[in-house]
Amino acid sequence: MRVHVVSDVHGRADALARAGDGADALICLGDLILFVDYQDHSKGIFAELFGAERAAEFIGLRTAKRFDEARAMSSELWASLEGDPREHIERSVRRQYDEIFAAMPTPAYMTYGNVDLPLLWPEYVREGHRVLDGETVEIGGLRFGFVGGGLRTRYRTPYEIDDEEYARKVEAVGEVDVLCCHIPPAVPQLLYDVVARRFERGSEATLEAIRRTQPRYALFGHVHQPLASRVRVGRTECLNVGHFRGRGTPFVLEW
């Protein structure tokens, strides 16, 4: 059995269309939307609405951890738009989802990232797509569990939830052979982004579940340039499947 796994697609519909080539199935661990691009400031929803120069300024403030200034700048820009800012965001998100879901191979098993709008997904999933969050599915004789979204942070991304709600989803998954999440377990080496030079949030509930149930693999993304992409917790291989927008190729899992 050969499964390809991607995470942090962030608008790479061109590469996503090829991501299932040679695989029996594709697994997508979320973050389909590109809101801001830290490498190319001209890309993403923010730049589309306000221009690359303002996007670069916004990114600079966030990178410097000047969050209050970034929020103030963002609020001023959103207020300058005609109508409800949420309508502008939703139009841009829908354009991206049109392209991404059309490119998504089949069969595909998907969960949400922290930069996703789950309420819109039912309008875009096609036959052969299955969305799971706090749920399990059997693929090739192995039991896969899926936990989507992220935990609350200062960045206030669209699908951040309370620790308690996240833990309930982890508990609902139970014992599996492969645990698939968007965010990593709370292991420091897996959480530190060496380019952004900051720790992202990981899940203590996921780490506890890994220690307790010892799946073969724990797969995740979220941290684009991790200090470590692979760490063993007991007999479980914890694997960052990679920043798909950057690399354009999937992680390959075979058994």
C-alpha atoms as a PDB file:
ATOM      1  CA  MET A   1       0.000   0.000   0.000  1.00  0.00           C
ATOM      2  CA  ARG A   2       1.281   3.452  -0.900  1.00  0.00           C
ATOM      3  CA  VAL A   3      -0.235   6.646   0.513  1.00  0.00           C
ATOM      4  CA  HIS A   4       0.939  10.198  -0.200  1.00  0.00           C
ATOM      5  CA  VAL A   5       0.580  12.757   2.586  1.00  0.00           C
ATOM      6  CA  VAL A   6       0.578  16.556   2.261  1.00  0.00           C
ATOM      7  CA  SER A   7       0.075  19.438   4.663  1.00  0.00           C
ATOM      8  CA  ASP A   8       0.183  23.218   4.411  1.00  0.00           C
ATOM      9  CA  VAL A   9      -0.864  23.374   0.776  1.00  0.00           C
ATOM     10  CA  HIS A  10      -1.395  27.149   1.016  1.00  0.00           C
ATOM     11  CA  GLY A  11      -2.637  27.633  -2.505  1.00  0.00           C
ATOM     12  CA  ARG A  12      -0.357  25.203  -4.415  1.00  0.00           C
ATOM     13  CA  ALA A  13      -3.134  23.819  -6.599  1.00  0.00           C
ATOM     14  CA  ASP A  14      -0.690  23.129  -9.447  1.00  0.00           C
ATOM     15  CA  ALA A  15       1.442  20.735  -7.388  1.00  0.00           C
ATOM     16  CA  LEU A  16      -1.563  19.303  -5.554  1.00  0.00           C
ATOM     17  CA  ALA A  17      -3.027  18.065  -8.847  1.00  0.00           C
ATOM     18  CA  ARG A  18       0.036  15.771  -9.184  1.00  0.00           C
ATOM     19  CA  ALA A  19       0.365  14.837  -5.511  1.00  0.00           C
ATOM     20  CA  GLY A  20      -1.612  11.603  -5.829  1.00  0.00           C
ATOM     21  CA  ASP A  21       0.319  10.255  -8.825  1.00  0.00           C
ATOM     22  CA  GLY A  22       1.402   6.656  -8.130  1.00  0.00           C
ATOM     23  CA  ALA A  23      -0.450   6.460  -4.793  1.00  0.00           C
ATOM     24  CA  ASP A  24      -3.407   4.392  -3.691  1.00  0.00           C
ATOM     25  CA  ALA A  25      -4.750   7.392  -1.748  1.00  0.00           C
ATOM     26  CA  LEU A  26      -3.871  10.930  -0.698  1.00  0.00           C
ATOM     27  CA  ILE A  27      -4.029  12.289   2.847  1.00  0.00           C
ATOM     28  CA  CYS A  28      -4.226  16.069   3.282  1.00  0.00           C
ATOM     29  CA  LEU A  29      -3.616  17.551   6.727  1.00  0.00           C
ATOM     30  CA  GLY A  30      -5.005  20.991   6.018  1.00  0.00           C
ATOM     31  CA  ASP A  31      -4.066  24.635   5.626  1.00  0.00           C
ATOM     32  CA  LEU A  32      -5.339  24.918   2.069  1.00  0.00           C
ATOM     33  CA  ILE A  33      -5.674  28.715   2.140  1.00  0.00           C
ATOM     34  CA  LEU A  34      -2.830  31.176   1.533  1.00  0.00           C
ATOM     35  CA  PHE A  35      -3.556  34.278   3.590  1.00  0.00           C
ATOM     36  CA  VAL A  36      -0.056  35.774   3.671  1.00  0.00           C
ATOM     37  CA  ASP A  37       3.150  34.433   2.129  1.00  0.00           C
ATOM     38  CA  TYR A  38       6.218  35.044   4.273  1.00  0.00           C
ATOM     39  CA  GLN A  39       8.511  34.294   1.311  1.00  0.00           C
ATOM     40  CA  ASP A  40       6.705  36.097  -1.520  1.00  0.00           C
ATOM     41  CA  HIS A  41       4.842  39.119  -0.166  1.00  0.00           C
ATOM     42  CA  SER A  42       2.914  39.557  -3.405  1.00  0.00           C
ATOM     43  CA  LYS A  43       0.986  36.299  -2.864  1.00  0.00           C
ATOM     44  CA  GLY A  44      -2.018  35.561  -0.690  1.00  0.00           C
ATOM     45  CA  ILE A  45      -5.298  37.158   0.325  1.00  0.00           C
ATOM     46  CA  PHE A  46      -3.733  40.019   2.274  1.00  0.00           C
ATOM     47  CA  ALA A  47      -1.571  41.105  -0.673  1.00  0.00           C
ATOM     48  CA  GLU A  48      -4.476  40.639  -3.086  1.00  0.00           C
ATOM     49  CA  LEU A  49      -6.548  43.117  -1.082  1.00  0.00           C
ATOM     50  CA  PHE A  50      -3.899  45.590   0.118  1.00  0.00           C
ATOM     51  CA  GLY A  51      -0.788  45.128  -2.033  1.00  0.00           C
ATOM     52  CA  ALA A  52       2.630  43.551  -1.536  1.00  0.00           C
ATOM     53  CA  GLU A  53       4.116  46.551   0.286  1.00  0.00           C
ATOM     54  CA  ARG A  54       1.481  46.504   3.013  1.00  0.00           C
ATOM     55  CA  ALA A  55       1.728  42.720   3.219  1.00  0.00           C
ATOM     56  CA  ALA A  56       5.496  43.007   3.779  1.00  0.00           C
ATOM     57  CA  GLU A  57       4.903  45.566   6.518  1.00  0.00           C
ATOM     58  CA  PHE A  58       2.309  43.346   8.198  1.00  0.00           C
ATOM     59  CA  ILE A  59       4.587  40.293   8.021  1.00  0.00           C
ATOM     60  CA  GLY A  60       7.471  42.311   9.450  1.00  0.00           C
ATOM     61  CA  LEU A  61       5.417  43.330  12.477  1.00  0.00           C
ATOM     62  CA  ARG A  62       4.295  39.767  13.146  1.00  0.00           C
ATOM     63  CA  THR A  63       7.800  38.394  12.695  1.00  0.00           C
ATOM     64  CA  ALA A  64       9.070  40.953  15.210  1.00  0.00           C
ATOM     65  CA  LYS A  65       6.288  39.811  17.601  1.00  0.00           C
ATOM     66  CA  ARG A  66       4.781  43.320  17.575  1.00  0.00           C
ATOM     67  CA  PHE A  67       1.309  41.812  17.564  1.00  0.00           C
ATOM     68  CA  ASP A  68      -0.597  44.827  18.873  1.00  0.00           C
ATOM     69  CA  GLU A  69       0.839  46.978  16.068  1.00  0.00           C
ATOM     70  CA  ALA A  70       0.087  44.288  13.497  1.00  0.00           C
ATOM     71  CA  ARG A  71      -3.523  44.053  14.671  1.00  0.00           C
ATOM     72  CA  ALA A  72      -3.898  47.835  14.654  1.00  0.00           C
ATOM     73  CA  MET A  73      -2.523  48.039  11.123  1.00  0.00           C
ATOM     74  CA  SER A  74      -4.741  45.182   9.986  1.00  0.00           C
ATOM     75  CA  SER A  75      -7.849  46.743  11.552  1.00  0.00           C
ATOM     76  CA  GLU A  76      -7.184  50.041   9.793  1.00  0.00           C
ATOM     77  CA  LEU A  77      -6.767  48.322   6.434  1.00  0.00           C
ATOM     78  CA  TRP A  78      -9.912  46.210   6.805  1.00  0.00           C
ATOM     79  CA  ALA A  79     -11.870  49.319   7.796  1.00  0.00           C
ATOM     80  CA  SER A  80     -10.760  51.009   4.569  1.00  0.00           C
ATOM     81  CA  LEU A  81     -12.607  48.451   2.443  1.00  0.00           C
ATOM     82  CA  GLU A  82     -16.152  49.019   1.274  1.00  0.00           C
ATOM     83  CA  GLY A  83     -18.688  46.781   2.993  1.00  0.00           C
ATOM     84  CA  ASP A  84     -18.122  43.994   5.496  1.00  0.00           C
ATOM     85  CA  PRO A  85     -14.451  42.830   5.550  1.00  0.00           C
ATOM     86  CA  ARG A  86     -15.632  39.251   6.063  1.00  0.00           C
ATOM     87  CA  GLU A  87     -17.275  39.336   2.654  1.00  0.00           C
ATOM     88  CA  HIS A  88     -13.986  40.321   1.015  1.00  0.00           C
ATOM     89  CA  ILE A  89     -12.166  37.514   2.832  1.00  0.00           C
ATOM     90  CA  GLU A  90     -14.798  34.935   1.947  1.00  0.00           C
ATOM     91  CA  ARG A  91     -14.710  35.857  -1.751  1.00  0.00           C
ATOM     92  CA  SER A  92     -10.933  35.402  -1.804  1.00  0.00           C
ATOM     93  CA  VAL A  93     -11.126  32.163   0.155  1.00  0.00           C
ATOM     94  CA  ARG A  94     -13.771  30.802  -2.203  1.00  0.00           C
ATOM     95  CA  ARG A  95     -11.590  31.546  -5.228  1.00  0.00           C
ATOM     96  CA  GLN A  96      -8.770  29.568  -3.641  1.00  0.00           C
ATOM     97  CA  TYR A  97     -11.032  26.701  -2.594  1.00  0.00           C
ATOM     98  CA  ASP A  98     -12.435  26.508  -6.132  1.00  0.00           C
ATOM     99  CA  GLU A  99      -8.939  25.836  -7.471  1.00  0.00           C
ATOM    100  CA  ILE A 100      -7.663  23.657  -4.638  1.00  0.00           C
ATOM    101  CA  PHE A 101     -10.597  21.276  -4.346  1.00  0.00           C
ATOM    102  CA  ALA A 102     -10.782  20.950  -8.128  1.00  0.00           C
ATOM    103  CA  ALA A 103      -7.107  19.910  -8.080  1.00  0.00           C
ATOM    104  CA  MET A 104      -7.427  17.568  -5.057  1.00  0.00           C
ATOM    105  CA  PRO A 105      -6.840  13.974  -6.222  1.00  0.00           C
ATOM    106  CA  THR A 106      -9.156  11.091  -5.372  1.00  0.00           C
ATOM    107  CA  PRO A 107      -9.415   9.165  -3.200  1.00  0.00           C
ATOM    108  CA  ALA A 108      -8.420  11.730  -0.587  1.00  0.00           C
ATOM    109  CA  TYR A 109      -8.809  11.776   3.184  1.00  0.00           C
ATOM    110  CA  MET A 110      -8.681  15.293   4.598  1.00  0.00           C
ATOM    111  CA  THR A 111      -8.736  17.237   7.821  1.00  0.00           C
ATOM    112  CA  TYR A 112      -8.630  20.962   8.553  1.00  0.00           C
ATOM    113  CA  GLY A 113      -5.644  23.164   9.299  1.00  0.00           C
ATOM    114  CA  ASN A 114      -5.695  26.201  11.553  1.00  0.00           C
ATOM    115  CA  VAL A 115      -5.781  28.387   8.408  1.00  0.00           C
ATOM    116  CA  ASP A 116      -8.990  26.944   6.984  1.00  0.00           C
ATOM    117  CA  LEU A 117     -12.719  27.706   7.077  1.00  0.00           C
ATOM    118  CA  PRO A 118     -14.411  24.360   7.840  1.00  0.00           C
ATOM    119  CA  LEU A 119     -17.932  25.730   7.317  1.00  0.00           C
ATOM    120  CA  LEU A 120     -17.200  26.213   3.603  1.00  0.00           C
ATOM    121  CA  TRP A 121     -15.711  22.794   2.901  1.00  0.00           C
ATOM    122  CA  PRO A 122     -19.015  20.926   2.311  1.00  0.00           C
ATOM    123  CA  GLU A 123     -19.611  23.140  -0.726  1.00  0.00           C
ATOM    124  CA  TYR A 124     -16.334  22.068  -2.355  1.00  0.00           C
ATOM    125  CA  VAL A 125     -15.590  18.435  -1.511  1.00  0.00           C
ATOM    126  CA  ARG A 126     -16.143  16.127  -4.449  1.00  0.00           C
ATOM    127  CA  GLU A 127     -16.938  12.436  -4.807  1.00  0.00           C
ATOM    128  CA  GLY A 128     -13.925  10.537  -3.563  1.00  0.00           C
ATOM    129  CA  HIS A 129     -13.080  13.133  -0.896  1.00  0.00           C
ATOM    130  CA  ARG A 130     -13.679  12.310   2.757  1.00  0.00           C
ATOM    131  CA  VAL A 131     -13.275  14.908   5.518  1.00  0.00           C
ATOM    132  CA  LEU A 132     -12.512  13.608   9.017  1.00  0.00           C
ATOM    133  CA  ASP A 133     -12.027  15.483  12.291  1.00  0.00           C
ATOM    134  CA  GLY A 134     -12.002  13.523  15.535  1.00  0.00           C
ATOM    135  CA  GLU A 135     -12.797  10.427  13.435  1.00  0.00           C
ATOM    136  CA  THR A 136     -11.145   7.278  12.105  1.00  0.00           C
ATOM    137  CA  VAL A 137     -11.048   5.360   8.832  1.00  0.00           C
ATOM    138  CA  GLU A 138      -9.423   2.159   7.624  1.00  0.00           C
ATOM    139  CA  ILE A 139      -6.974   2.485   4.744  1.00  0.00           C
ATOM    140  CA  GLY A 140      -5.178  -0.591   3.454  1.00  0.00           C
ATOM    141  CA  GLY A 141      -5.798  -2.558   6.626  1.00  0.00           C
ATOM    142  CA  LEU A 142      -4.512   0.165   8.979  1.00  0.00           C
ATOM    143  CA  ARG A 143      -6.639   2.363  11.200  1.00  0.00           C
ATOM    144  CA  PHE A 144      -6.044   6.093  10.656  1.00  0.00           C
ATOM    145  CA  GLY A 145      -7.269   8.769  13.075  1.00  0.00           C
ATOM    146  CA  PHE A 146      -7.684  12.429  12.128  1.00  0.00           C
ATOM    147  CA  VAL A 147      -7.622  15.543  14.319  1.00  0.00           C
ATOM    148  CA  GLY A 148      -7.932  18.900  12.557  1.00  0.00           C
ATOM    149  CA  GLY A 149      -7.389  22.542  13.442  1.00  0.00           C
ATOM    150  CA  GLY A 150      -4.996  24.261  15.808  1.00  0.00           C
ATOM    151  CA  LEU A 151      -4.866  25.603  19.343  1.00  0.00           C
ATOM    152  CA  ARG A 152      -5.429  29.230  20.277  1.00  0.00           C
ATOM    153  CA  THR A 153      -2.512  31.601  19.642  1.00  0.00           C
ATOM    154  CA  ARG A 154      -1.732  35.293  19.353  1.00  0.00           C
ATOM    155  CA  TYR A 155      -2.083  34.956  15.586  1.00  0.00           C
ATOM    156  CA  ARG A 156      -5.840  34.336  15.809  1.00  0.00           C
ATOM    157  CA  THR A 157      -6.012  32.178  12.696  1.00  0.00           C
ATOM    158  CA  PRO A 158      -9.470  31.016  11.537  1.00  0.00           C
ATOM    159  CA  TYR A 159      -9.722  27.493  12.976  1.00  0.00           C
ATOM    160  CA  GLU A 160      -8.150  27.717  16.439  1.00  0.00           C
ATOM    161  CA  ILE A 161      -9.997  25.946  19.245  1.00  0.00           C
ATOM    162  CA  ASP A 162      -9.696  25.587  23.018  1.00  0.00           C
ATOM    163  CA  ASP A 163      -7.341  22.973  24.445  1.00  0.00           C
ATOM    164  CA  GLU A 164     -10.291  21.099  25.974  1.00  0.00           C
ATOM    165  CA  GLU A 165     -12.149  20.802  22.673  1.00  0.00           C
ATOM    166  CA  TYR A 166      -8.982  19.650  20.906  1.00  0.00           C
ATOM    167  CA  ALA A 167      -8.348  17.043  23.619  1.00  0.00           C
ATOM    168  CA  ARG A 168     -11.894  15.696  23.183  1.00  0.00           C
ATOM    169  CA  LYS A 169     -11.215  15.097  19.484  1.00  0.00           C
ATOM    170  CA  VAL A 170      -7.969  13.280  20.298  1.00  0.00           C
ATOM    171  CA  GLU A 171      -9.833  11.130  22.833  1.00  0.00           C
ATOM    172  CA  ALA A 172     -12.578  10.369  20.291  1.00  0.00           C
ATOM    173  CA  VAL A 173      -9.989   8.977  17.877  1.00  0.00           C
ATOM    174  CA  GLY A 174      -8.695   6.482  20.452  1.00  0.00           C
ATOM    175  CA  GLU A 175      -6.181   3.793  19.518  1.00  0.00           C
ATOM    176  CA  VAL A 176      -5.054   3.883  15.880  1.00  0.00           C
ATOM    177  CA  ASP A 177      -2.163   2.691  13.754  1.00  0.00           C
ATOM    178  CA  VAL A 178      -1.565   6.151  12.257  1.00  0.00           C
ATOM    179  CA  LEU A 179      -2.514   9.408  13.971  1.00  0.00           C
ATOM    180  CA  CYS A 180      -2.947  12.296  11.515  1.00  0.00           C
ATOM    181  CA  CYS A 181      -3.108  15.868  12.852  1.00  0.00           C
ATOM    182  CA  HIS A 182      -2.457  19.302  11.469  1.00  0.00           C
ATOM    183  CA  ILE A 183      -0.373  20.458  14.450  1.00  0.00           C
ATOM    184  CA  PRO A 184       2.470  18.453  16.044  1.00  0.00           C
ATOM    185  CA  PRO A 185       2.512  16.849  19.457  1.00  0.00           C
ATOM    186  CA  ALA A 186       4.087  19.106  22.092  1.00  0.00           C
ATOM    187  CA  VAL A 187       7.705  18.062  21.528  1.00  0.00           C
ATOM    188  CA  PRO A 188       9.997  21.148  21.483  1.00  0.00           C
ATOM    189  CA  GLN A 189      12.179  19.992  18.570  1.00  0.00           C
ATOM    190  CA  LEU A 190       9.071  19.536  16.421  1.00  0.00           C
ATOM    191  CA  LEU A 191       7.631  22.942  17.315  1.00  0.00           C
ATOM    192  CA  TYR A 192      10.556  25.290  16.670  1.00  0.00           C
ATOM    193  CA  ASP A 193      10.641  26.940  13.232  1.00  0.00           C
ATOM    194  CA  VAL A 194      14.263  27.716  12.411  1.00  0.00           C
ATOM    195  CA  VAL A 195      13.406  30.351   9.771  1.00  0.00           C
ATOM    196  CA  ALA A 196      10.632  32.166  11.650  1.00  0.00           C
ATOM    197  CA  ARG A 197      12.736  31.679  14.830  1.00  0.00           C
ATOM    198  CA  ARG A 198       9.784  30.915  17.042  1.00  0.00           C
ATOM    199  CA  PHE A 199       7.970  28.042  18.711  1.00  0.00           C
ATOM    200  CA  GLU A 200       4.581  27.113  17.306  1.00  0.00           C
ATOM    201  CA  ARG A 201       1.926  25.579  19.540  1.00  0.00           C
ATOM    202  CA  GLY A 202       1.741  21.819  19.770  1.00  0.00           C
ATOM    203  CA  SER A 203      -0.746  19.567  21.505  1.00  0.00           C
ATOM    204  CA  GLU A 204      -0.122  18.081  24.933  1.00  0.00           C
ATOM    205  CA  ALA A 205      -3.219  15.917  24.435  1.00  0.00           C
ATOM    206  CA  THR A 206      -1.745  14.445  21.263  1.00  0.00           C
ATOM    207  CA  LEU A 207       1.588  13.756  22.966  1.00  0.00           C
ATOM    208  CA  GLU A 208      -0.153  12.027  25.884  1.00  0.00           C
ATOM    209  CA  ALA A 209      -2.212   9.911  23.453  1.00  0.00           C
ATOM    210  CA  ILE A 210       0.960   8.901  21.593  1.00  0.00           C
ATOM    211  CA  ARG A 211       2.671   7.883  24.831  1.00  0.00           C
ATOM    212  CA  ARG A 212      -0.389   5.938  25.957  1.00  0.00           C
ATOM    213  CA  THR A 213      -1.439   4.185  22.728  1.00  0.00           C
ATOM    214  CA  GLN A 214       1.840   4.046  20.743  1.00  0.00           C
ATOM    215  CA  PRO A 215       0.602   4.241  17.132  1.00  0.00           C
ATOM    216  CA  ARG A 216       3.070   3.265  14.411  1.00  0.00           C
ATOM    217  CA  TYR A 217       3.154   6.826  13.107  1.00  0.00           C
ATOM    218  CA  ALA A 218       2.020  10.301  14.077  1.00  0.00           C
ATOM    219  CA  LEU A 219       1.863  12.520  10.974  1.00  0.00           C
ATOM    220  CA  PHE A 220       1.443  16.308  10.978  1.00  0.00           C
ATOM    221  CA  GLY A 221       2.561  19.583   9.384  1.00  0.00           C
ATOM    222  CA  HIS A 222       2.024  23.196  10.542  1.00  0.00           C
ATOM    223  CA  VAL A 223       5.683  24.005  11.321  1.00  0.00           C
ATOM    224  CA  HIS A 224       7.118  24.908   7.939  1.00  0.00           C
ATOM    225  CA  GLN A 225      10.857  24.716   8.722  1.00  0.00           C
ATOM    226  CA  PRO A 226      11.132  22.562  11.860  1.00  0.00           C
ATOM    227  CA  LEU A 227      14.285  22.083  13.905  1.00  0.00           C
ATOM    228  CA  ALA A 228      13.545  18.358  13.687  1.00  0.00           C
ATOM    229  CA  SER A 229      11.164  16.755  11.219  1.00  0.00           C
ATOM    230  CA  ARG A 230      11.313  13.300  12.829  1.00  0.00           C
ATOM    231  CA  VAL A 231      11.294  12.327  16.518  1.00  0.00           C
ATOM    232  CA  ARG A 232      10.567   8.964  18.124  1.00  0.00           C
ATOM    233  CA  VAL A 233       8.269   8.836  21.153  1.00  0.00           C
ATOM    234  CA  GLY A 234       8.453   5.285  22.428  1.00  0.00           C
ATOM    235  CA  ARG A 235       7.833   3.128  19.354  1.00  0.00           C
ATOM    236  CA  THR A 236       5.946   5.910  17.527  1.00  0.00           C
ATOM    237  CA  GLU A 237       7.635   7.749  14.659  1.00  0.00           C
ATOM    238  CA  CYS A 238       6.465  11.387  14.828  1.00  0.00           C
ATOM    239  CA  LEU A 239       6.896  12.823  11.321  1.00  0.00           C
ATOM    240  CA  ASN A 240       6.448  16.309   9.900  1.00  0.00           C
ATOM    241  CA  VAL A 241       5.306  15.552   6.344  1.00  0.00           C
ATOM    242  CA  GLY A 242       6.669  18.862   5.051  1.00  0.00           C
ATOM    243  CA  HIS A 243       5.601  22.294   3.880  1.00  0.00           C
ATOM    244  CA  PHE A 244       3.828  21.348   0.660  1.00  0.00           C
ATOM    245  CA  ARG A 245       3.665  24.901  -0.676  1.00  0.00           C
ATOM    246  CA  GLY A 246       7.448  25.084  -0.436  1.00  0.00           C
ATOM    247  CA  ARG A 247       8.462  21.608  -1.542  1.00  0.00           C
ATOM    248  CA  GLY A 248       5.637  20.729  -3.952  1.00  0.00           C
ATOM    249  CA  THR A 249       6.022  16.970  -3.378  1.00  0.00           C
ATOM    250  CA  PRO A 250       4.175  14.695  -0.944  1.00  0.00           C
ATOM    251  CA  PHE A 251       5.531  12.582   1.882  1.00  0.00           C
ATOM    252  CA  VAL A 252       5.346   8.881   0.950  1.00  0.00           C
ATOM    253  CA  LEU A 253       4.072   6.264   3.420  1.00  0.00           C
ATOM    254  CA  GLU A 254       4.302   2.615   2.349  1.00  0.00           C
ATOM    255  CA  TRP A 255       3.454  -0.643   4.069  1.00  0.00           C
END
